Amino acid sequence: MLSIMALLAGALSPAVATDNEAAAQFWLNMAQHCGQAFEGRRVIARDDRPDLLEGNERLIVHFRECSSELLALPFHIGAVDGSWDRSRTWRYSWRDGQLELRHDHRLSSGEPDESNTMYGGLSIGRGTPVQQQFLFTERTADDGSELGWRIEIIPGVRYTYGTFSGDNWTWRLDFDLSNPLDKLPPAPWGHQ
């Protein structure tokens, strides 16, 4: 873990850290959990469109792939019937000194879901070491509010992934970082 931290710190300094110190610290806060997986729960359900979740699923995030260029976090959804959806991976990377979030969606065959993959956005520059927002620039709410993703990381406590409109959460998942799973999930679809 220390070698990953040193690698990331070296890779992000001084150019990225100088330009966006909060984003660089956010990255390091995420990287602390590399190689671990955690359970979570839906905290806020969607009310503006159909929700991906029923609210009774087993949710797992796996801090699976970590380098100075990429943090890849597969999101596993376990249904009540015992089946798993391993189609989604949240991908954090750097683009021109700015954090970027992309969503890698795969079919159960492992092939990319061409109609619904690699969408995302860049951080909007009002972030902190524990929270970053990524703007989906192709759309806004009916009232003109920004739409995107809000990610929070409190090391050893909580990882939160969700969507926002203006200042409000529109969907939110919280993962308990204080209790890593003993058994890691299998690879997400397409990443064996």
N, C-alpha and C. Protein backbone atom coordinates (compact mmCIF):
# COMPACT_ATOMS: atom_id res chain seq x y z
N MET A 1 0.83 -1.19 0.00
CA MET A 1 0.00 0.00 0.00
C MET A 1 0.88 1.26 0.00
N LEU A 2 1.93 1.27 0.80
CA LEU A 2 2.78 2.46 0.84
C LEU A 2 3.43 2.73 -0.49
N SER A 3 3.83 1.67 -1.21
CA SER A 3 4.46 1.89 -2.51
C SER A 3 3.47 2.50 -3.50
N ILE A 4 2.20 2.08 -3.45
CA ILE A 4 1.18 2.68 -4.32
C ILE A 4 1.01 4.15 -3.97
N MET A 5 0.96 4.44 -2.67
CA MET A 5 0.81 5.83 -2.23
C MET A 5 1.99 6.68 -2.72
N ALA A 6 3.20 6.15 -2.57
CA ALA A 6 4.37 6.89 -3.02
C ALA A 6 4.35 7.09 -4.53
N LEU A 7 3.97 6.04 -5.26
CA LEU A 7 3.87 6.14 -6.72
C LEU A 7 2.88 7.22 -7.13
N LEU A 8 1.70 7.20 -6.50
CA LEU A 8 0.69 8.18 -6.84
C LEU A 8 1.13 9.59 -6.46
N ALA A 9 1.70 9.72 -5.29
CA ALA A 9 2.15 11.04 -4.85
C ALA A 9 3.21 11.58 -5.80
N GLY A 10 4.14 10.72 -6.22
CA GLY A 10 5.17 11.15 -7.16
C GLY A 10 4.61 11.49 -8.52
N ALA A 11 3.64 10.71 -8.96
CA ALA A 11 3.06 10.94 -10.28
C ALA A 11 2.21 12.20 -10.32
N LEU A 12 1.65 12.58 -9.19
CA LEU A 12 0.76 13.73 -9.17
C LEU A 12 1.48 15.04 -8.83
N SER A 13 2.72 14.96 -8.43
CA SER A 13 3.43 16.16 -8.06
C SER A 13 4.44 16.49 -9.15
N PRO A 14 4.75 17.71 -9.36
CA PRO A 14 4.06 18.85 -8.80
C PRO A 14 2.94 19.37 -9.70
N ALA A 15 2.91 18.94 -10.97
CA ALA A 15 1.99 19.56 -11.93
C ALA A 15 0.53 19.48 -11.50
N VAL A 16 0.03 18.28 -11.25
CA VAL A 16 -1.38 18.14 -10.89
C VAL A 16 -1.64 18.72 -9.52
N ALA A 17 -0.77 18.40 -8.55
CA ALA A 17 -0.98 18.88 -7.19
C ALA A 17 -0.96 20.40 -7.14
N THR A 18 -0.09 21.03 -7.93
CA THR A 18 -0.03 22.48 -7.95
C THR A 18 -1.31 23.07 -8.52
N ASP A 19 -1.79 22.50 -9.60
CA ASP A 19 -2.99 23.01 -10.25
C ASP A 19 -4.27 22.65 -9.51
N ASN A 20 -4.29 21.51 -8.86
CA ASN A 20 -5.52 21.04 -8.26
C ASN A 20 -5.20 20.17 -7.05
N GLU A 21 -4.70 20.79 -6.01
CA GLU A 21 -4.27 20.06 -4.82
C GLU A 21 -5.40 19.27 -4.17
N ALA A 22 -6.59 19.83 -4.14
CA ALA A 22 -7.73 19.12 -3.53
C ALA A 22 -8.05 17.84 -4.30
N ALA A 23 -8.01 17.90 -5.63
CA ALA A 23 -8.28 16.71 -6.44
C ALA A 23 -7.19 15.67 -6.25
N ALA A 24 -5.94 16.10 -6.15
CA ALA A 24 -4.84 15.17 -5.93
C ALA A 24 -4.98 14.48 -4.58
N GLN A 25 -5.37 15.21 -3.55
CA GLN A 25 -5.57 14.59 -2.24
C GLN A 25 -6.77 13.66 -2.25
N PHE A 26 -7.82 14.03 -2.97
CA PHE A 26 -8.98 13.16 -3.15
C PHE A 26 -8.53 11.83 -3.75
N TRP A 27 -7.70 11.88 -4.79
CA TRP A 27 -7.17 10.68 -5.45
C TRP A 27 -6.43 9.81 -4.44
N LEU A 28 -5.56 10.43 -3.64
CA LEU A 28 -4.81 9.67 -2.65
C LEU A 28 -5.72 9.07 -1.59
N ASN A 29 -6.77 9.80 -1.21
CA ASN A 29 -7.74 9.26 -0.26
C ASN A 29 -8.43 8.02 -0.81
N MET A 30 -8.72 8.04 -2.10
CA MET A 30 -9.33 6.87 -2.74
C MET A 30 -8.32 5.71 -2.78
N ALA A 31 -7.09 6.01 -3.18
CA ALA A 31 -6.06 4.99 -3.37
C ALA A 31 -5.72 4.23 -2.09
N GLN A 32 -5.99 4.83 -0.95
CA GLN A 32 -5.71 4.16 0.33
C GLN A 32 -6.46 2.83 0.46
N HIS A 33 -7.53 2.67 -0.30
CA HIS A 33 -8.38 1.49 -0.16
C HIS A 33 -8.14 0.46 -1.26
N CYS A 34 -7.07 0.65 -2.04
CA CYS A 34 -6.77 -0.26 -3.14
C CYS A 34 -6.63 -1.69 -2.64
N GLY A 35 -7.23 -2.60 -3.42
CA GLY A 35 -7.15 -4.01 -3.09
C GLY A 35 -8.22 -4.47 -2.11
N GLN A 36 -9.11 -3.59 -1.70
CA GLN A 36 -10.14 -3.94 -0.74
C GLN A 36 -11.53 -3.77 -1.37
N ALA A 37 -12.50 -4.47 -0.78
CA ALA A 37 -13.89 -4.35 -1.20
C ALA A 37 -14.76 -4.10 0.03
N PHE A 38 -15.89 -3.41 -0.20
CA PHE A 38 -16.75 -2.98 0.91
C PHE A 38 -18.22 -3.08 0.51
N GLU A 39 -19.04 -3.37 1.50
CA GLU A 39 -20.49 -3.40 1.27
C GLU A 39 -21.08 -2.02 1.46
N GLY A 40 -22.21 -1.81 0.79
CA GLY A 40 -22.89 -0.54 0.89
C GLY A 40 -24.39 -0.69 0.85
N ARG A 41 -25.05 0.46 0.78
CA ARG A 41 -26.51 0.48 0.71
C ARG A 41 -26.96 1.72 -0.02
N ARG A 42 -28.15 1.63 -0.58
CA ARG A 42 -28.74 2.81 -1.21
C ARG A 42 -29.32 3.68 -0.11
N VAL A 43 -28.94 4.95 -0.12
CA VAL A 43 -29.39 5.91 0.88
C VAL A 43 -30.50 6.80 0.33
N ILE A 44 -30.38 7.17 -0.94
CA ILE A 44 -31.40 7.99 -1.60
C ILE A 44 -31.79 7.31 -2.90
N ALA A 45 -33.09 7.04 -3.04
CA ALA A 45 -33.62 6.43 -4.26
C ALA A 45 -33.98 7.52 -5.25
N ARG A 46 -33.96 7.16 -6.52
CA ARG A 46 -34.36 8.11 -7.57
C ARG A 46 -35.86 8.35 -7.47
N ASP A 47 -36.26 9.58 -7.73
CA ASP A 47 -37.70 9.87 -7.81
C ASP A 47 -38.04 10.56 -9.13
N ASP A 48 -37.02 10.74 -9.98
CA ASP A 48 -37.23 11.43 -11.25
C ASP A 48 -37.28 10.49 -12.45
N ARG A 49 -36.93 9.22 -12.24
CA ARG A 49 -36.96 8.21 -13.29
C ARG A 49 -36.82 6.84 -12.62
N PRO A 50 -36.98 5.76 -13.36
CA PRO A 50 -36.85 4.44 -12.74
C PRO A 50 -35.47 4.26 -12.10
N ASP A 51 -35.45 3.64 -10.93
CA ASP A 51 -34.21 3.42 -10.19
C ASP A 51 -33.57 2.11 -10.63
N LEU A 52 -32.25 2.09 -10.70
CA LEU A 52 -31.49 0.89 -11.01
C LEU A 52 -31.72 -0.19 -9.96
N LEU A 53 -31.98 0.23 -8.71
CA LEU A 53 -32.08 -0.69 -7.58
C LEU A 53 -33.48 -0.74 -7.00
N GLU A 54 -33.80 -1.89 -6.42
CA GLU A 54 -35.06 -2.04 -5.67
C GLU A 54 -34.87 -1.60 -4.23
N GLY A 55 -33.63 -1.68 -3.73
CA GLY A 55 -33.34 -1.31 -2.35
C GLY A 55 -33.05 -2.50 -1.45
N ASN A 56 -33.18 -3.72 -1.99
CA ASN A 56 -32.92 -4.92 -1.19
C ASN A 56 -31.71 -5.71 -1.70
N GLU A 57 -30.93 -5.13 -2.60
CA GLU A 57 -29.77 -5.80 -3.18
C GLU A 57 -28.57 -5.74 -2.23
N ARG A 58 -27.63 -6.63 -2.47
CA ARG A 58 -26.33 -6.56 -1.80
C ARG A 58 -25.43 -5.74 -2.72
N LEU A 59 -24.86 -4.67 -2.21
CA LEU A 59 -24.03 -3.77 -3.01
C LEU A 59 -22.58 -3.86 -2.55
N ILE A 60 -21.67 -4.01 -3.49
CA ILE A 60 -20.24 -4.09 -3.17
C ILE A 60 -19.46 -3.20 -4.13
N VAL A 61 -18.55 -2.41 -3.57
CA VAL A 61 -17.58 -1.68 -4.38
C VAL A 61 -16.22 -2.31 -4.11
N HIS A 62 -15.44 -2.49 -5.18
CA HIS A 62 -14.12 -3.11 -5.08
C HIS A 62 -13.09 -2.13 -5.64
N PHE A 63 -12.20 -1.66 -4.81
CA PHE A 63 -11.11 -0.78 -5.24
C PHE A 63 -10.07 -1.71 -5.88
N ARG A 64 -10.31 -2.09 -7.13
CA ARG A 64 -9.63 -3.22 -7.75
C ARG A 64 -8.36 -2.85 -8.50
N GLU A 65 -8.39 -1.80 -9.28
CA GLU A 65 -7.26 -1.46 -10.15
C GLU A 65 -6.75 -0.08 -9.77
N CYS A 66 -5.48 -0.01 -9.43
CA CYS A 66 -4.93 1.27 -8.95
C CYS A 66 -3.56 1.52 -9.56
N SER A 67 -3.44 2.64 -10.22
CA SER A 67 -2.15 3.08 -10.75
C SER A 67 -2.14 4.61 -10.66
N SER A 68 -1.08 5.21 -11.11
CA SER A 68 -1.03 6.67 -11.09
C SER A 68 -1.94 7.29 -12.15
N GLU A 69 -2.40 6.47 -13.12
CA GLU A 69 -3.27 6.97 -14.19
C GLU A 69 -4.73 6.59 -14.02
N LEU A 70 -5.02 5.51 -13.27
CA LEU A 70 -6.38 4.98 -13.22
C LEU A 70 -6.70 4.37 -11.87
N LEU A 71 -7.87 4.70 -11.36
CA LEU A 71 -8.49 3.99 -10.25
C LEU A 71 -9.77 3.37 -10.81
N ALA A 72 -9.85 2.05 -10.84
CA ALA A 72 -11.03 1.36 -11.38
C ALA A 72 -11.74 0.65 -10.23
N LEU A 73 -13.01 1.01 -10.03
CA LEU A 73 -13.80 0.49 -8.92
C LEU A 73 -15.03 -0.23 -9.47
N PRO A 74 -14.98 -1.56 -9.63
CA PRO A 74 -16.17 -2.28 -10.04
C PRO A 74 -17.27 -2.16 -8.98
N PHE A 75 -18.51 -2.06 -9.46
CA PHE A 75 -19.69 -1.97 -8.61
C PHE A 75 -20.52 -3.22 -8.88
N HIS A 76 -20.63 -4.09 -7.87
CA HIS A 76 -21.33 -5.36 -7.98
C HIS A 76 -22.69 -5.26 -7.30
N ILE A 77 -23.73 -5.74 -8.00
CA ILE A 77 -25.09 -5.70 -7.46
C ILE A 77 -25.60 -7.13 -7.34
N GLY A 78 -25.84 -7.55 -6.10
CA GLY A 78 -26.34 -8.90 -5.83
C GLY A 78 -27.84 -8.88 -5.62
N ALA A 79 -28.57 -9.59 -6.47
CA ALA A 79 -30.03 -9.65 -6.34
C ALA A 79 -30.43 -10.64 -5.24
N VAL A 80 -31.66 -10.52 -4.77
CA VAL A 80 -32.18 -11.39 -3.72
C VAL A 80 -32.15 -12.85 -4.15
N ASP A 81 -32.29 -13.13 -5.45
CA ASP A 81 -32.29 -14.52 -5.93
C ASP A 81 -30.89 -15.13 -6.01
N GLY A 82 -29.85 -14.36 -5.63
CA GLY A 82 -28.48 -14.87 -5.62
C GLY A 82 -27.69 -14.55 -6.88
N SER A 83 -28.33 -14.00 -7.90
CA SER A 83 -27.60 -13.63 -9.13
C SER A 83 -26.87 -12.30 -8.91
N TRP A 84 -25.87 -12.08 -9.75
CA TRP A 84 -25.06 -10.87 -9.64
C TRP A 84 -25.03 -10.12 -10.96
N ASP A 85 -25.09 -8.80 -10.87
CA ASP A 85 -24.85 -7.91 -12.00
C ASP A 85 -23.45 -7.34 -11.79
N ARG A 86 -22.53 -7.70 -12.64
CA ARG A 86 -21.13 -7.24 -12.53
C ARG A 86 -20.78 -6.38 -13.74
N SER A 87 -21.75 -5.60 -14.19
CA SER A 87 -21.62 -4.88 -15.46
C SER A 87 -20.95 -3.52 -15.34
N ARG A 88 -20.82 -2.97 -14.14
CA ARG A 88 -20.41 -1.58 -14.02
C ARG A 88 -19.06 -1.43 -13.32
N THR A 89 -18.24 -0.53 -13.87
CA THR A 89 -16.98 -0.15 -13.23
C THR A 89 -16.86 1.36 -13.31
N TRP A 90 -16.63 1.97 -12.15
CA TRP A 90 -16.39 3.41 -12.09
C TRP A 90 -14.90 3.63 -12.31
N ARG A 91 -14.55 4.45 -13.30
CA ARG A 91 -13.16 4.68 -13.69
C ARG A 91 -12.79 6.15 -13.46
N TYR A 92 -11.83 6.36 -12.57
CA TYR A 92 -11.31 7.70 -12.29
C TYR A 92 -9.95 7.81 -12.95
N SER A 93 -9.72 8.91 -13.65
CA SER A 93 -8.44 9.12 -14.31
C SER A 93 -8.17 10.62 -14.37
N TRP A 94 -7.02 10.97 -14.94
CA TRP A 94 -6.63 12.37 -15.10
C TRP A 94 -6.68 12.74 -16.57
N ARG A 95 -7.23 13.89 -16.87
CA ARG A 95 -7.24 14.40 -18.24
C ARG A 95 -6.89 15.88 -18.19
N ASP A 96 -5.74 16.22 -18.73
CA ASP A 96 -5.26 17.60 -18.75
C ASP A 96 -5.26 18.21 -17.34
N GLY A 97 -4.79 17.44 -16.36
CA GLY A 97 -4.68 17.93 -14.98
C GLY A 97 -6.00 17.99 -14.23
N GLN A 98 -7.03 17.43 -14.79
CA GLN A 98 -8.36 17.46 -14.18
C GLN A 98 -8.84 16.03 -13.97
N LEU A 99 -9.51 15.79 -12.85
CA LEU A 99 -10.07 14.47 -12.60
C LEU A 99 -11.22 14.19 -13.56
N GLU A 100 -11.31 12.95 -13.99
CA GLU A 100 -12.39 12.54 -14.87
C GLU A 100 -13.01 11.26 -14.33
N LEU A 101 -14.33 11.16 -14.41
CA LEU A 101 -15.06 9.95 -14.04
C LEU A 101 -15.75 9.41 -15.29
N ARG A 102 -15.53 8.13 -15.56
CA ARG A 102 -16.19 7.45 -16.67
C ARG A 102 -16.84 6.17 -16.15
N HIS A 103 -17.88 5.74 -16.83
CA HIS A 103 -18.64 4.55 -16.44
C HIS A 103 -18.46 3.48 -17.51
N ASP A 104 -17.74 2.40 -17.17
CA ASP A 104 -17.50 1.29 -18.08
C ASP A 104 -18.62 0.27 -17.86
N HIS A 105 -19.54 0.17 -18.81
CA HIS A 105 -20.65 -0.78 -18.72
C HIS A 105 -20.40 -1.93 -19.68
N ARG A 106 -20.56 -3.16 -19.17
CA ARG A 106 -20.32 -4.36 -19.96
C ARG A 106 -21.56 -5.26 -19.97
N LEU A 107 -21.68 -6.02 -21.03
CA LEU A 107 -22.69 -7.06 -21.10
C LEU A 107 -22.15 -8.29 -20.37
N SER A 108 -23.03 -9.24 -20.04
CA SER A 108 -22.58 -10.43 -19.32
C SER A 108 -21.55 -11.23 -20.13
N SER A 109 -21.52 -11.04 -21.45
CA SER A 109 -20.51 -11.68 -22.31
C SER A 109 -19.13 -11.05 -22.14
N GLY A 110 -19.09 -9.89 -21.49
CA GLY A 110 -17.83 -9.16 -21.33
C GLY A 110 -17.63 -8.07 -22.35
N GLU A 111 -18.43 -8.08 -23.40
CA GLU A 111 -18.33 -7.06 -24.44
C GLU A 111 -18.85 -5.72 -23.92
N PRO A 112 -18.28 -4.60 -24.37
CA PRO A 112 -18.81 -3.29 -23.97
C PRO A 112 -20.27 -3.13 -24.38
N ASP A 113 -21.04 -2.52 -23.53
CA ASP A 113 -22.44 -2.19 -23.83
C ASP A 113 -22.39 -0.90 -24.65
N GLU A 114 -22.25 -1.04 -25.95
CA GLU A 114 -21.99 0.10 -26.85
C GLU A 114 -23.01 1.22 -26.72
N SER A 115 -24.24 0.90 -26.36
CA SER A 115 -25.27 1.93 -26.26
C SER A 115 -25.23 2.67 -24.93
N ASN A 116 -24.38 2.21 -24.00
CA ASN A 116 -24.44 2.78 -22.65
C ASN A 116 -23.11 2.60 -21.91
N THR A 117 -22.03 3.10 -22.48
CA THR A 117 -20.75 2.94 -21.80
C THR A 117 -19.84 4.14 -22.03
N MET A 118 -18.93 4.32 -21.10
CA MET A 118 -17.89 5.34 -21.09
C MET A 118 -18.43 6.77 -21.05
N TYR A 119 -19.65 6.93 -20.59
CA TYR A 119 -20.16 8.27 -20.35
C TYR A 119 -19.57 8.77 -19.03
N GLY A 120 -19.58 10.05 -18.81
CA GLY A 120 -19.05 10.61 -17.58
C GLY A 120 -18.81 12.09 -17.72
N GLY A 121 -17.84 12.58 -16.96
CA GLY A 121 -17.55 13.99 -17.00
C GLY A 121 -16.30 14.34 -16.22
N LEU A 122 -15.91 15.61 -16.33
CA LEU A 122 -14.75 16.14 -15.64
C LEU A 122 -15.15 16.78 -14.32
N SER A 123 -14.21 16.80 -13.37
CA SER A 123 -14.48 17.48 -12.10
C SER A 123 -14.70 18.96 -12.38
N ILE A 124 -15.54 19.57 -11.57
CA ILE A 124 -15.95 20.94 -11.87
C ILE A 124 -15.19 21.99 -11.08
N GLY A 125 -14.14 21.58 -10.36
CA GLY A 125 -13.25 22.56 -9.78
C GLY A 125 -13.69 23.19 -8.47
N ARG A 126 -14.76 22.71 -7.90
CA ARG A 126 -15.17 23.21 -6.58
C ARG A 126 -15.02 22.12 -5.53
N GLY A 127 -14.14 21.17 -5.82
CA GLY A 127 -14.00 20.00 -4.97
C GLY A 127 -13.11 20.23 -3.77
N THR A 128 -13.12 19.24 -2.91
CA THR A 128 -12.29 19.21 -1.71
C THR A 128 -11.57 17.87 -1.67
N PRO A 129 -10.68 17.67 -0.71
CA PRO A 129 -10.03 16.36 -0.60
C PRO A 129 -11.01 15.22 -0.30
N VAL A 130 -12.22 15.53 0.17
CA VAL A 130 -13.19 14.48 0.48
C VAL A 130 -14.41 14.49 -0.43
N GLN A 131 -14.55 15.47 -1.30
CA GLN A 131 -15.69 15.49 -2.22
C GLN A 131 -15.30 16.11 -3.56
N GLN A 132 -15.70 15.41 -4.62
CA GLN A 132 -15.52 15.94 -5.97
C GLN A 132 -16.84 15.78 -6.71
N GLN A 133 -17.13 16.73 -7.60
CA GLN A 133 -18.30 16.65 -8.44
C GLN A 133 -17.85 16.62 -9.90
N PHE A 134 -18.54 15.81 -10.68
CA PHE A 134 -18.20 15.61 -12.08
C PHE A 134 -19.41 16.03 -12.90
N LEU A 135 -19.21 16.98 -13.77
CA LEU A 135 -20.31 17.56 -14.52
C LEU A 135 -20.58 16.78 -15.79
N PHE A 136 -21.84 16.44 -15.99
CA PHE A 136 -22.29 15.84 -17.24
C PHE A 136 -22.71 17.00 -18.12
N THR A 137 -21.81 17.44 -18.99
CA THR A 137 -21.98 18.71 -19.69
C THR A 137 -23.05 18.69 -20.77
N GLU A 138 -23.52 17.51 -21.16
CA GLU A 138 -24.46 17.44 -22.27
C GLU A 138 -25.90 17.69 -21.84
N ARG A 139 -26.15 17.84 -20.53
CA ARG A 139 -27.52 18.06 -20.12
C ARG A 139 -27.59 18.86 -18.82
N THR A 140 -28.70 19.54 -18.65
CA THR A 140 -29.00 20.25 -17.41
C THR A 140 -30.44 19.94 -17.02
N ALA A 141 -30.76 20.24 -15.78
CA ALA A 141 -32.13 20.03 -15.30
C ALA A 141 -33.06 21.05 -15.97
N ASP A 142 -34.35 20.81 -15.85
CA ASP A 142 -35.33 21.73 -16.44
C ASP A 142 -35.16 23.16 -15.95
N ASP A 143 -34.70 23.30 -14.69
CA ASP A 143 -34.50 24.64 -14.13
C ASP A 143 -33.12 25.22 -14.45
N GLY A 144 -32.33 24.51 -15.28
CA GLY A 144 -31.00 24.98 -15.66
C GLY A 144 -29.89 24.55 -14.72
N SER A 145 -30.21 23.79 -13.67
CA SER A 145 -29.20 23.33 -12.71
C SER A 145 -28.22 22.36 -13.35
N GLU A 146 -26.99 22.38 -12.84
CA GLU A 146 -25.99 21.42 -13.28
C GLU A 146 -26.41 20.01 -12.87
N LEU A 147 -26.10 19.04 -13.72
CA LEU A 147 -26.34 17.62 -13.43
C LEU A 147 -25.02 16.88 -13.50
N GLY A 148 -24.84 15.93 -12.62
CA GLY A 148 -23.62 15.14 -12.66
C GLY A 148 -23.54 14.17 -11.52
N TRP A 149 -22.31 13.81 -11.17
CA TRP A 149 -22.04 12.83 -10.13
C TRP A 149 -21.28 13.50 -9.00
N ARG A 150 -21.65 13.14 -7.79
CA ARG A 150 -20.96 13.62 -6.58
C ARG A 150 -20.37 12.41 -5.89
N ILE A 151 -19.06 12.47 -5.64
CA ILE A 151 -18.35 11.38 -5.00
C ILE A 151 -17.72 11.92 -3.72
N GLU A 152 -17.89 11.16 -2.63
CA GLU A 152 -17.27 11.53 -1.36
C GLU A 152 -16.43 10.36 -0.86
N ILE A 153 -15.30 10.70 -0.27
CA ILE A 153 -14.42 9.68 0.31
C ILE A 153 -13.91 10.19 1.65
N ILE A 154 -14.29 9.52 2.70
CA ILE A 154 -13.75 9.78 4.03
C ILE A 154 -12.97 8.51 4.38
N PRO A 155 -11.63 8.55 4.24
CA PRO A 155 -10.84 7.34 4.36
C PRO A 155 -11.14 6.57 5.66
N GLY A 156 -11.32 5.27 5.50
CA GLY A 156 -11.59 4.40 6.63
C GLY A 156 -13.00 4.51 7.18
N VAL A 157 -13.82 5.39 6.60
CA VAL A 157 -15.17 5.61 7.11
C VAL A 157 -16.22 5.34 6.03
N ARG A 158 -16.17 6.12 4.91
CA ARG A 158 -17.27 6.05 3.95
C ARG A 158 -16.81 6.45 2.55
N TYR A 159 -17.31 5.70 1.57
CA TYR A 159 -17.21 6.07 0.16
C TYR A 159 -18.65 6.24 -0.33
N THR A 160 -18.93 7.38 -0.93
CA THR A 160 -20.28 7.66 -1.43
C THR A 160 -20.21 7.97 -2.92
N TYR A 161 -21.11 7.33 -3.65
CA TYR A 161 -21.27 7.56 -5.08
C TYR A 161 -22.72 7.98 -5.29
N GLY A 162 -22.93 9.06 -6.03
CA GLY A 162 -24.30 9.46 -6.30
C GLY A 162 -24.39 10.48 -7.41
N THR A 163 -25.62 10.87 -7.69
CA THR A 163 -25.88 11.88 -8.70
C THR A 163 -26.46 13.11 -8.02
N PHE A 164 -26.31 14.26 -8.70
CA PHE A 164 -26.84 15.50 -8.14
C PHE A 164 -27.50 16.34 -9.22
N SER A 165 -28.37 17.21 -8.76
CA SER A 165 -28.96 18.27 -9.58
C SER A 165 -28.88 19.52 -8.75
N GLY A 166 -28.13 20.51 -9.22
CA GLY A 166 -27.91 21.71 -8.41
C GLY A 166 -27.17 21.34 -7.14
N ASP A 167 -27.77 21.66 -5.98
CA ASP A 167 -27.14 21.35 -4.69
C ASP A 167 -27.65 20.06 -4.07
N ASN A 168 -28.59 19.38 -4.72
CA ASN A 168 -29.28 18.24 -4.11
C ASN A 168 -28.83 16.90 -4.68
N TRP A 169 -28.72 15.90 -3.78
CA TRP A 169 -28.52 14.53 -4.22
C TRP A 169 -29.79 14.07 -4.92
N THR A 170 -29.65 13.34 -6.03
CA THR A 170 -30.81 12.74 -6.69
C THR A 170 -30.76 11.21 -6.58
N TRP A 171 -29.61 10.67 -6.20
CA TRP A 171 -29.43 9.23 -5.99
C TRP A 171 -28.15 9.09 -5.20
N ARG A 172 -28.12 8.14 -4.24
CA ARG A 172 -26.92 8.06 -3.40
C ARG A 172 -26.72 6.65 -2.85
N LEU A 173 -25.46 6.19 -2.95
CA LEU A 173 -25.02 4.92 -2.37
C LEU A 173 -23.90 5.21 -1.39
N ASP A 174 -23.96 4.63 -0.20
CA ASP A 174 -22.91 4.76 0.81
C ASP A 174 -22.28 3.40 1.06
N PHE A 175 -20.95 3.34 1.08
CA PHE A 175 -20.21 2.12 1.35
C PHE A 175 -19.40 2.30 2.62
N ASP A 176 -19.44 1.30 3.51
CA ASP A 176 -18.78 1.34 4.81
C ASP A 176 -17.32 0.94 4.66
N LEU A 177 -16.41 1.92 4.73
CA LEU A 177 -14.99 1.65 4.56
C LEU A 177 -14.31 1.17 5.84
N SER A 178 -15.06 1.09 6.92
CA SER A 178 -14.47 0.64 8.19
C SER A 178 -14.45 -0.89 8.29
N ASN A 179 -15.09 -1.56 7.35
CA ASN A 179 -15.24 -3.02 7.45
C ASN A 179 -14.96 -3.69 6.09
N PRO A 180 -13.68 -3.85 5.71
CA PRO A 180 -13.39 -4.50 4.42
C PRO A 180 -13.86 -5.95 4.42
N LEU A 181 -14.30 -6.40 3.26
CA LEU A 181 -14.75 -7.79 3.12
C LEU A 181 -13.56 -8.74 3.18
N ASP A 182 -13.77 -9.90 3.80
CA ASP A 182 -12.72 -10.92 3.86
C ASP A 182 -12.48 -11.55 2.50
N LYS A 183 -13.55 -11.69 1.72
CA LYS A 183 -13.45 -12.33 0.41
C LYS A 183 -13.75 -11.30 -0.67
N LEU A 184 -12.83 -11.13 -1.60
CA LEU A 184 -13.02 -10.17 -2.69
C LEU A 184 -13.97 -10.73 -3.74
N PRO A 185 -14.74 -9.87 -4.39
CA PRO A 185 -15.63 -10.36 -5.45
C PRO A 185 -14.81 -10.76 -6.68
N PRO A 186 -15.42 -11.57 -7.56
CA PRO A 186 -14.72 -11.90 -8.81
C PRO A 186 -14.60 -10.66 -9.69
N ALA A 187 -13.85 -10.81 -10.76
CA ALA A 187 -13.65 -9.70 -11.69
C ALA A 187 -14.98 -9.27 -12.28
N PRO A 188 -15.12 -7.98 -12.59
CA PRO A 188 -16.32 -7.54 -13.29
C PRO A 188 -16.33 -8.13 -14.70
N TRP A 189 -17.51 -8.17 -15.28
CA TRP A 189 -17.65 -8.71 -16.64
C TRP A 189 -16.69 -8.00 -17.59
N GLY A 190 -15.98 -8.78 -18.37
CA GLY A 190 -15.07 -8.23 -19.37
C GLY A 190 -13.68 -7.89 -18.86
N HIS A 191 -13.41 -8.16 -17.58
CA HIS A 191 -12.11 -7.78 -17.01
C HIS A 191 -11.42 -8.96 -16.32
N GLN A 192 -11.64 -10.17 -16.81
CA GLN A 192 -11.03 -11.34 -16.20
C GLN A 192 -9.55 -11.25 -16.38
